Amino acid sequence: MKVMILAAGLGKRLRPLTLNKPKPLVEVAGKSLIIHHIEQLAAAGFNDIVINHSWHGEQIVNALGNGSRWGVNIAYSEEPEPLETAGGIIQALPLLKDGQSEDNQPFLVVNGDVFTDYPFDLVPDSIDGQAHLIMVNNPDFRKTGDFALQQGRVQEQGEQWLTYSGISVLTPELFADTPTGVQALAPVLKQAIADGEVTGEHFQGLWTDVGTVERLNDLEQYLAGGSSGSIC
């Protein structure tokens, strides 16, 4: 299974740290967020990684190269202007496929600005539908959650509301009716959810969205304390 790390955001909420560098290169515990991901993915056996980039994207390419130092192969999808989540994935689909038009093999997607100890070696190789979302407990900054999870299916109605972690297994079929260009992922997922095409799981380990300077500082303090469990 191939992996796509989403790394093309502007990181406006992390300024001034991201004034002159892309958000995935912001460091946590002595190394950049994106290197934490690559190390975890490599340890879990993922060899082929696609990374999209835009804002100061050349810094990502220079920092990571072809991935050989981690034993992986990295390909890049450059976006002159950020295409949002779905738009970035759609542009990168040729890199995520094996080149056959009928190929609908699932691929793993990881947001470049999250920090987690999710066990990537347990990612499902096949899914029942067009998408499989990793859901987490609602953090303080998102108490209402994103979607409901009931008996392994993601829904927009239900009692157990959780937050989408930014980690998912998706198929090219999910984007079959989505035009190219700037496109957010949420509307695409909501349509697939309405069609009954999205499964999910509840991860209760370490996860946080490093979206602001305050959250970054909280994560640094948490890791320095040597605690275990979830900070989401």
C-alpha atoms as a PDB file:
ATOM      1  CA  MET A   1       0.000   0.000   0.000  1.00  0.00           C
ATOM      2  CA  LYS A   2       1.246   3.461  -0.889  1.00  0.00           C
ATOM      3  CA  VAL A   3       1.060   6.424   1.473  1.00  0.00           C
ATOM      4  CA  MET A   4       0.333  10.091   0.908  1.00  0.00           C
ATOM      5  CA  ILE A   5       1.462  12.646   3.473  1.00  0.00           C
ATOM      6  CA  LEU A   6      -0.422  15.906   3.080  1.00  0.00           C
ATOM      7  CA  ALA A   7       2.106  18.711   3.431  1.00  0.00           C
ATOM      8  CA  ALA A   8       0.899  21.581   1.226  1.00  0.00           C
ATOM      9  CA  GLY A   9      -0.884  23.770   3.781  1.00  0.00           C
ATOM     10  CA  LEU A  10       0.134  27.353   4.517  1.00  0.00           C
ATOM     11  CA  GLY A  11       0.305  26.856   8.283  1.00  0.00           C
ATOM     12  CA  LYS A  12      -1.053  30.333   9.008  1.00  0.00           C
ATOM     13  CA  ARG A  13      -2.069  29.489  12.588  1.00  0.00           C
ATOM     14  CA  LEU A  14       1.492  28.398  13.397  1.00  0.00           C
ATOM     15  CA  ARG A  15       3.029  31.720  12.469  1.00  0.00           C
ATOM     16  CA  PRO A  16       5.603  33.092  13.134  1.00  0.00           C
ATOM     17  CA  LEU A  17       7.111  29.561  13.049  1.00  0.00           C
ATOM     18  CA  THR A  18       5.850  29.033   9.502  1.00  0.00           C
ATOM     19  CA  LEU A  19       6.657  32.419   8.016  1.00  0.00           C
ATOM     20  CA  ASN A  20       9.745  30.987   6.353  1.00  0.00           C
ATOM     21  CA  LYS A  21       9.188  27.229   6.505  1.00  0.00           C
ATOM     22  CA  PRO A  22       6.382  24.770   5.725  1.00  0.00           C
ATOM     23  CA  LYS A  23       4.374  23.483   8.670  1.00  0.00           C
ATOM     24  CA  PRO A  24       5.493  19.813   8.366  1.00  0.00           C
ATOM     25  CA  LEU A  25       9.091  20.912   9.001  1.00  0.00           C
ATOM     26  CA  VAL A  26       8.207  22.425  12.374  1.00  0.00           C
ATOM     27  CA  GLU A  27      10.047  20.407  15.009  1.00  0.00           C
ATOM     28  CA  VAL A  28       8.615  18.423  17.899  1.00  0.00           C
ATOM     29  CA  ALA A  29      10.897  16.582  20.320  1.00  0.00           C
ATOM     30  CA  GLY A  30      13.956  17.426  18.260  1.00  0.00           C
ATOM     31  CA  LYS A  31      12.767  16.454  14.788  1.00  0.00           C
ATOM     32  CA  SER A  32      10.251  17.692  12.252  1.00  0.00           C
ATOM     33  CA  LEU A  33       6.672  16.475  12.238  1.00  0.00           C
ATOM     34  CA  ILE A  34       7.041  14.904   8.821  1.00  0.00           C
ATOM     35  CA  ILE A  35      10.145  12.939   9.829  1.00  0.00           C
ATOM     36  CA  HIS A  36       8.226  11.504  12.795  1.00  0.00           C
ATOM     37  CA  HIS A  37       5.666  10.245  10.254  1.00  0.00           C
ATOM     38  CA  ILE A  38       8.248   8.827   7.872  1.00  0.00           C
ATOM     39  CA  GLU A  39      10.052   6.950  10.638  1.00  0.00           C
ATOM     40  CA  GLN A  40       6.804   5.444  11.917  1.00  0.00           C
ATOM     41  CA  LEU A  41       5.646   4.491   8.430  1.00  0.00           C
ATOM     42  CA  ALA A  42       8.992   2.930   7.550  1.00  0.00           C
ATOM     43  CA  ALA A  43       8.966   0.925  10.790  1.00  0.00           C
ATOM     44  CA  ALA A  44       5.476  -0.333   9.888  1.00  0.00           C
ATOM     45  CA  GLY A  45       6.669  -1.570   6.490  1.00  0.00           C
ATOM     46  CA  PHE A  46       5.457   1.191   4.168  1.00  0.00           C
ATOM     47  CA  ASN A  47       7.979   1.764   1.399  1.00  0.00           C
ATOM     48  CA  ASP A  48       6.360   4.122  -1.117  1.00  0.00           C
ATOM     49  CA  ILE A  49       5.426   7.595   0.091  1.00  0.00           C
ATOM     50  CA  VAL A  50       3.964  10.494  -1.899  1.00  0.00           C
ATOM     51  CA  ILE A  51       4.241  13.989  -0.427  1.00  0.00           C
ATOM     52  CA  ASN A  52       2.452  17.029  -1.807  1.00  0.00           C
ATOM     53  CA  HIS A  53       3.926  20.432  -1.119  1.00  0.00           C
ATOM     54  CA  SER A  54       3.389  24.097  -1.897  1.00  0.00           C
ATOM     55  CA  TRP A  55       4.388  26.774   0.641  1.00  0.00           C
ATOM     56  CA  HIS A  56       8.220  26.709   0.762  1.00  0.00           C
ATOM     57  CA  GLY A  57       7.880  23.211  -0.658  1.00  0.00           C
ATOM     58  CA  GLU A  58      11.464  23.108  -1.875  1.00  0.00           C
ATOM     59  CA  GLN A  59      12.521  22.962   1.772  1.00  0.00           C
ATOM     60  CA  ILE A  60      10.622  19.691   2.185  1.00  0.00           C
ATOM     61  CA  VAL A  61      12.280  18.218  -0.904  1.00  0.00           C
ATOM     62  CA  ASN A  62      15.721  19.341   0.273  1.00  0.00           C
ATOM     63  CA  ALA A  63      15.175  17.995   3.783  1.00  0.00           C
ATOM     64  CA  LEU A  64      13.835  14.573   2.771  1.00  0.00           C
ATOM     65  CA  GLY A  65      15.343  13.859  -0.640  1.00  0.00           C
ATOM     66  CA  ASN A  66      14.327  10.511  -2.120  1.00  0.00           C
ATOM     67  CA  GLY A  67      13.741   8.949   1.297  1.00  0.00           C
ATOM     68  CA  SER A  68      16.657   6.527   1.098  1.00  0.00           C
ATOM     69  CA  ARG A  69      17.995   7.415   4.545  1.00  0.00           C
ATOM     70  CA  TRP A  70      14.805   5.914   6.007  1.00  0.00           C
ATOM     71  CA  GLY A  71      14.642   3.014   3.568  1.00  0.00           C
ATOM     72  CA  VAL A  72      11.614   4.398   1.703  1.00  0.00           C
ATOM     73  CA  ASN A  73      10.948   5.846  -1.745  1.00  0.00           C
ATOM     74  CA  ILE A  74       9.554   9.382  -1.743  1.00  0.00           C
ATOM     75  CA  ALA A  75       7.814  10.968  -4.727  1.00  0.00           C
ATOM     76  CA  TYR A  76       6.602  14.548  -4.721  1.00  0.00           C
ATOM     77  CA  SER A  77       3.477  16.258  -6.018  1.00  0.00           C
ATOM     78  CA  GLU A  78       4.154  19.972  -6.357  1.00  0.00           C
ATOM     79  CA  GLU A  79       1.287  22.442  -6.098  1.00  0.00           C
ATOM     80  CA  PRO A  80       2.094  25.986  -7.275  1.00  0.00           C
ATOM     81  CA  GLU A  81      -0.879  27.043  -5.140  1.00  0.00           C
ATOM     82  CA  PRO A  82      -2.406  24.850  -2.395  1.00  0.00           C
ATOM     83  CA  LEU A  83      -5.198  22.677  -3.798  1.00  0.00           C
ATOM     84  CA  GLU A  84      -6.814  21.813  -0.446  1.00  0.00           C
ATOM     85  CA  THR A  85      -6.981  18.222   0.761  1.00  0.00           C
ATOM     86  CA  ALA A  86      -9.073  16.544  -1.927  1.00  0.00           C
ATOM     87  CA  GLY A  87      -7.550  18.622  -4.711  1.00  0.00           C
ATOM     88  CA  GLY A  88      -4.060  17.655  -3.620  1.00  0.00           C
ATOM     89  CA  ILE A  89      -4.947  13.972  -3.473  1.00  0.00           C
ATOM     90  CA  ILE A  90      -6.595  14.067  -6.900  1.00  0.00           C
ATOM     91  CA  GLN A  91      -3.508  15.638  -8.462  1.00  0.00           C
ATOM     92  CA  ALA A  92      -1.324  12.977  -6.844  1.00  0.00           C
ATOM     93  CA  LEU A  93      -3.488  10.001  -7.874  1.00  0.00           C
ATOM     94  CA  PRO A  94      -1.199   9.017 -10.783  1.00  0.00           C
ATOM     95  CA  LEU A  95       1.615   8.636  -8.249  1.00  0.00           C
ATOM     96  CA  LEU A  96      -0.611   6.623  -5.918  1.00  0.00           C
ATOM     97  CA  LYS A  97      -1.739   4.174  -8.607  1.00  0.00           C
ATOM     98  CA  ASP A  98       0.332   1.588 -10.462  1.00  0.00           C
ATOM     99  CA  GLY A  99      -0.489   3.214 -13.796  1.00  0.00           C
ATOM    100  CA  GLN A 100      -3.500   1.076 -14.726  1.00  0.00           C
ATOM    101  CA  SER A 101      -6.729   2.981 -15.330  1.00  0.00           C
ATOM    102  CA  GLU A 102      -8.807   0.331 -13.564  1.00  0.00           C
ATOM    103  CA  ASP A 103      -6.619   0.391 -10.474  1.00  0.00           C
ATOM    104  CA  ASN A 104      -8.688   1.115  -7.357  1.00  0.00           C
ATOM    105  CA  GLN A 105      -6.204  -0.060  -4.745  1.00  0.00           C
ATOM    106  CA  PRO A 106      -6.569   1.765  -1.419  1.00  0.00           C
ATOM    107  CA  PHE A 107      -3.844   4.043  -0.139  1.00  0.00           C
ATOM    108  CA  LEU A 108      -3.076   5.502   3.264  1.00  0.00           C
ATOM    109  CA  VAL A 109      -3.369   9.260   3.824  1.00  0.00           C
ATOM    110  CA  VAL A 110      -1.773  11.058   6.764  1.00  0.00           C
ATOM    111  CA  ASN A 111      -2.083  14.753   7.529  1.00  0.00           C
ATOM    112  CA  GLY A 112       1.388  16.245   7.879  1.00  0.00           C
ATOM    113  CA  ASP A 113       0.404  18.381  10.874  1.00  0.00           C
ATOM    114  CA  VAL A 114      -0.757  15.690  13.306  1.00  0.00           C
ATOM    115  CA  PHE A 115       1.323  13.878  15.909  1.00  0.00           C
ATOM    116  CA  THR A 116       0.343  10.359  16.883  1.00  0.00           C
ATOM    117  CA  ASP A 117       1.455   6.914  17.932  1.00  0.00           C
ATOM    118  CA  TYR A 118      -1.228   5.246  15.821  1.00  0.00           C
ATOM    119  CA  PRO A 119      -0.006   1.720  14.928  1.00  0.00           C
ATOM    120  CA  PHE A 120       0.380   2.044  11.161  1.00  0.00           C
ATOM    121  CA  ASP A 121       1.200  -1.659  10.888  1.00  0.00           C
ATOM    122  CA  LEU A 122      -2.470  -2.345  11.700  1.00  0.00           C
ATOM    123  CA  VAL A 123      -3.827  -0.287   8.783  1.00  0.00           C
ATOM    124  CA  PRO A 124      -6.331  -2.468   6.868  1.00  0.00           C
ATOM    125  CA  ASP A 125      -5.074  -3.673   3.485  1.00  0.00           C
ATOM    126  CA  SER A 126      -8.604  -3.659   2.073  1.00  0.00           C
ATOM    127  CA  ILE A 127     -11.707  -1.734   3.057  1.00  0.00           C
ATOM    128  CA  ASP A 128     -15.466  -2.187   2.720  1.00  0.00           C
ATOM    129  CA  GLY A 129     -16.315   0.896   0.717  1.00  0.00           C
ATOM    130  CA  GLN A 130     -14.524   3.961  -0.569  1.00  0.00           C
ATOM    131  CA  ALA A 131     -12.928   5.216   2.654  1.00  0.00           C
ATOM    132  CA  HIS A 132     -11.910   4.110   6.144  1.00  0.00           C
ATOM    133  CA  LEU A 133     -11.406   6.865   8.723  1.00  0.00           C
ATOM    134  CA  ILE A 134      -9.380   6.760  11.920  1.00  0.00           C
ATOM    135  CA  MET A 135     -11.442   8.607  14.521  1.00  0.00           C
ATOM    136  CA  VAL A 136     -10.259   9.952  17.892  1.00  0.00           C
ATOM    137  CA  ASN A 137     -11.808  11.407  21.027  1.00  0.00           C
ATOM    138  CA  ASN A 138     -12.922  14.988  20.607  1.00  0.00           C
ATOM    139  CA  PRO A 139     -10.126  17.382  21.635  1.00  0.00           C
ATOM    140  CA  ASP A 140     -10.779  20.563  23.595  1.00  0.00           C
ATOM    141  CA  PHE A 141     -10.678  22.621  20.421  1.00  0.00           C
ATOM    142  CA  ARG A 142     -13.327  20.460  18.701  1.00  0.00           C
ATOM    143  CA  LYS A 143     -15.754  19.267  21.342  1.00  0.00           C
ATOM    144  CA  THR A 144     -18.625  18.537  18.951  1.00  0.00           C
ATOM    145  CA  GLY A 145     -16.651  16.133  16.765  1.00  0.00           C
ATOM    146  CA  ASP A 146     -16.933  15.567  13.016  1.00  0.00           C
ATOM    147  CA  PHE A 147     -18.880  12.371  12.443  1.00  0.00           C
ATOM    148  CA  ALA A 148     -20.689   9.629  14.301  1.00  0.00           C
ATOM    149  CA  LEU A 149     -19.290   6.103  14.478  1.00  0.00           C
ATOM    150  CA  GLN A 150     -21.740   3.247  14.832  1.00  0.00           C
ATOM    151  CA  GLN A 151     -20.833  -0.413  14.526  1.00  0.00           C
ATOM    152  CA  GLY A 152     -17.850   0.351  12.355  1.00  0.00           C
ATOM    153  CA  ARG A 153     -19.685   2.681   9.952  1.00  0.00           C
ATOM    154  CA  VAL A 154     -19.178   6.427   9.800  1.00  0.00           C
ATOM    155  CA  GLN A 155     -22.428   8.391   9.799  1.00  0.00           C
ATOM    156  CA  GLU A 156     -23.640  11.955  10.142  1.00  0.00           C
ATOM    157  CA  GLN A 157     -26.217  10.961  12.738  1.00  0.00           C
ATOM    158  CA  GLY A 158     -25.694   8.994  15.923  1.00  0.00           C
ATOM    159  CA  GLU A 159     -24.722   9.114  19.574  1.00  0.00           C
ATOM    160  CA  GLN A 160     -20.958   8.508  19.456  1.00  0.00           C
ATOM    161  CA  TRP A 161     -19.494  11.617  17.805  1.00  0.00           C
ATOM    162  CA  LEU A 162     -15.753  11.604  17.261  1.00  0.00           C
ATOM    163  CA  THR A 163     -13.121  13.694  15.486  1.00  0.00           C
ATOM    164  CA  TYR A 164     -11.519  12.663  12.209  1.00  0.00           C
ATOM    165  CA  SER A 165      -7.809  12.247  12.967  1.00  0.00           C
ATOM    166  CA  GLY A 166      -6.467  13.160   9.537  1.00  0.00           C
ATOM    167  CA  ILE A 167      -5.482   9.514   9.031  1.00  0.00           C
ATOM    168  CA  SER A 168      -7.470   7.431   6.576  1.00  0.00           C
ATOM    169  CA  VAL A 169      -7.421   4.716   3.969  1.00  0.00           C
ATOM    170  CA  LEU A 170      -8.969   5.986   0.748  1.00  0.00           C
ATOM    171  CA  THR A 171      -9.612   4.605  -2.728  1.00  0.00           C
ATOM    172  CA  PRO A 172      -9.333   6.393  -6.085  1.00  0.00           C
ATOM    173  CA  GLU A 173     -13.042   5.617  -6.554  1.00  0.00           C
ATOM    174  CA  LEU A 174     -13.844   8.095  -3.760  1.00  0.00           C
ATOM    175  CA  PHE A 175     -12.772  10.924  -6.087  1.00  0.00           C
ATOM    176  CA  ALA A 176     -14.353   9.630  -9.310  1.00  0.00           C
ATOM    177  CA  ASP A 177     -16.951  12.423  -9.440  1.00  0.00           C
ATOM    178  CA  THR A 178     -14.800  15.203  -7.970  1.00  0.00           C
ATOM    179  CA  PRO A 179     -13.335  17.731 -10.417  1.00  0.00           C
ATOM    180  CA  THR A 180      -9.690  18.707 -10.345  1.00  0.00           C
ATOM    181  CA  GLY A 181      -8.558  21.980  -8.835  1.00  0.00           C
ATOM    182  CA  VAL A 182      -9.048  23.396  -5.344  1.00  0.00           C
ATOM    183  CA  GLN A 183     -11.288  20.937  -3.488  1.00  0.00           C
ATOM    184  CA  ALA A 184     -11.782  20.193   0.213  1.00  0.00           C
ATOM    185  CA  LEU A 185     -12.043  16.606   1.419  1.00  0.00           C
ATOM    186  CA  ALA A 186     -14.988  17.069   3.808  1.00  0.00           C
ATOM    187  CA  PRO A 187     -17.707  17.382   1.120  1.00  0.00           C
ATOM    188  CA  VAL A 188     -16.315  14.335  -0.686  1.00  0.00           C
ATOM    189  CA  LEU A 189     -16.389  12.295   2.521  1.00  0.00           C
ATOM    190  CA  LYS A 190     -19.887  13.486   3.424  1.00  0.00           C
ATOM    191  CA  GLN A 191     -21.253  12.305   0.076  1.00  0.00           C
ATOM    192  CA  ALA A 192     -19.569   8.915   0.514  1.00  0.00           C
ATOM    193  CA  ILE A 193     -20.945   8.695   4.062  1.00  0.00           C
ATOM    194  CA  ALA A 194     -24.438   9.424   2.756  1.00  0.00           C
ATOM    195  CA  ASP A 195     -23.934   6.609   0.245  1.00  0.00           C
ATOM    196  CA  GLY A 196     -22.891   4.191   3.016  1.00  0.00           C
ATOM    197  CA  GLU A 197     -19.373   3.889   1.629  1.00  0.00           C
ATOM    198  CA  VAL A 198     -17.299   4.879   4.690  1.00  0.00           C
ATOM    199  CA  THR A 199     -16.124   2.700   7.557  1.00  0.00           C
ATOM    200  CA  GLY A 200     -14.151   3.772  10.588  1.00  0.00           C
ATOM    201  CA  GLU A 201     -12.382   2.853  13.797  1.00  0.00           C
ATOM    202  CA  HIS A 202     -11.923   4.542  17.154  1.00  0.00           C
ATOM    203  CA  PHE A 203      -8.269   5.112  18.098  1.00  0.00           C
ATOM    204  CA  GLN A 204      -7.726   6.080  21.734  1.00  0.00           C
ATOM    205  CA  GLY A 205      -3.941   6.450  21.854  1.00  0.00           C
ATOM    206  CA  LEU A 206      -1.705   9.484  21.472  1.00  0.00           C
ATOM    207  CA  TRP A 207      -2.964  12.007  18.936  1.00  0.00           C
ATOM    208  CA  THR A 208      -3.053  15.755  18.537  1.00  0.00           C
ATOM    209  CA  ASP A 209      -3.469  18.260  15.751  1.00  0.00           C
ATOM    210  CA  VAL A 210      -0.404  20.537  15.862  1.00  0.00           C
ATOM    211  CA  GLY A 211      -2.332  23.411  14.346  1.00  0.00           C
ATOM    212  CA  THR A 212      -1.344  26.295  16.586  1.00  0.00           C
ATOM    213  CA  VAL A 213       1.686  27.455  18.559  1.00  0.00           C
ATOM    214  CA  GLU A 214      -0.223  26.738  21.769  1.00  0.00           C
ATOM    215  CA  ARG A 215      -0.893  23.120  20.781  1.00  0.00           C
ATOM    216  CA  LEU A 216       2.719  22.702  19.734  1.00  0.00           C
ATOM    217  CA  ASN A 217       3.877  23.939  23.143  1.00  0.00           C
ATOM    218  CA  ASP A 218       1.388  21.653  24.910  1.00  0.00           C
ATOM    219  CA  LEU A 219       2.702  18.675  22.938  1.00  0.00           C
ATOM    220  CA  GLU A 220       6.321  19.501  23.757  1.00  0.00           C
ATOM    221  CA  GLN A 221       5.479  19.711  27.455  1.00  0.00           C
ATOM    222  CA  TYR A 222       3.512  16.467  27.303  1.00  0.00           C
ATOM    223  CA  LEU A 223       6.346  14.567  25.615  1.00  0.00           C
ATOM    224  CA  ALA A 224       8.955  16.052  27.959  1.00  0.00           C
ATOM    225  CA  GLY A 225       6.929  14.754  30.896  1.00  0.00           C
ATOM    226  CA  GLY A 226       7.191  11.194  29.652  1.00  0.00           C
ATOM    227  CA  SER A 227       3.461  10.596  30.070  1.00  0.00           C
ATOM    228  CA  SER A 228       1.562   7.961  28.124  1.00  0.00           C
ATOM    229  CA  GLY A 229      -1.932   7.948  26.712  1.00  0.00           C
ATOM    230  CA  SER A 230      -3.933  10.480  24.782  1.00  0.00           C
ATOM    231  CA  ILE A 231      -3.674  14.256  24.792  1.00  0.00           C
ATOM    232  CA  CYS A 232      -6.481  14.781  22.309  1.00  0.00           C
END
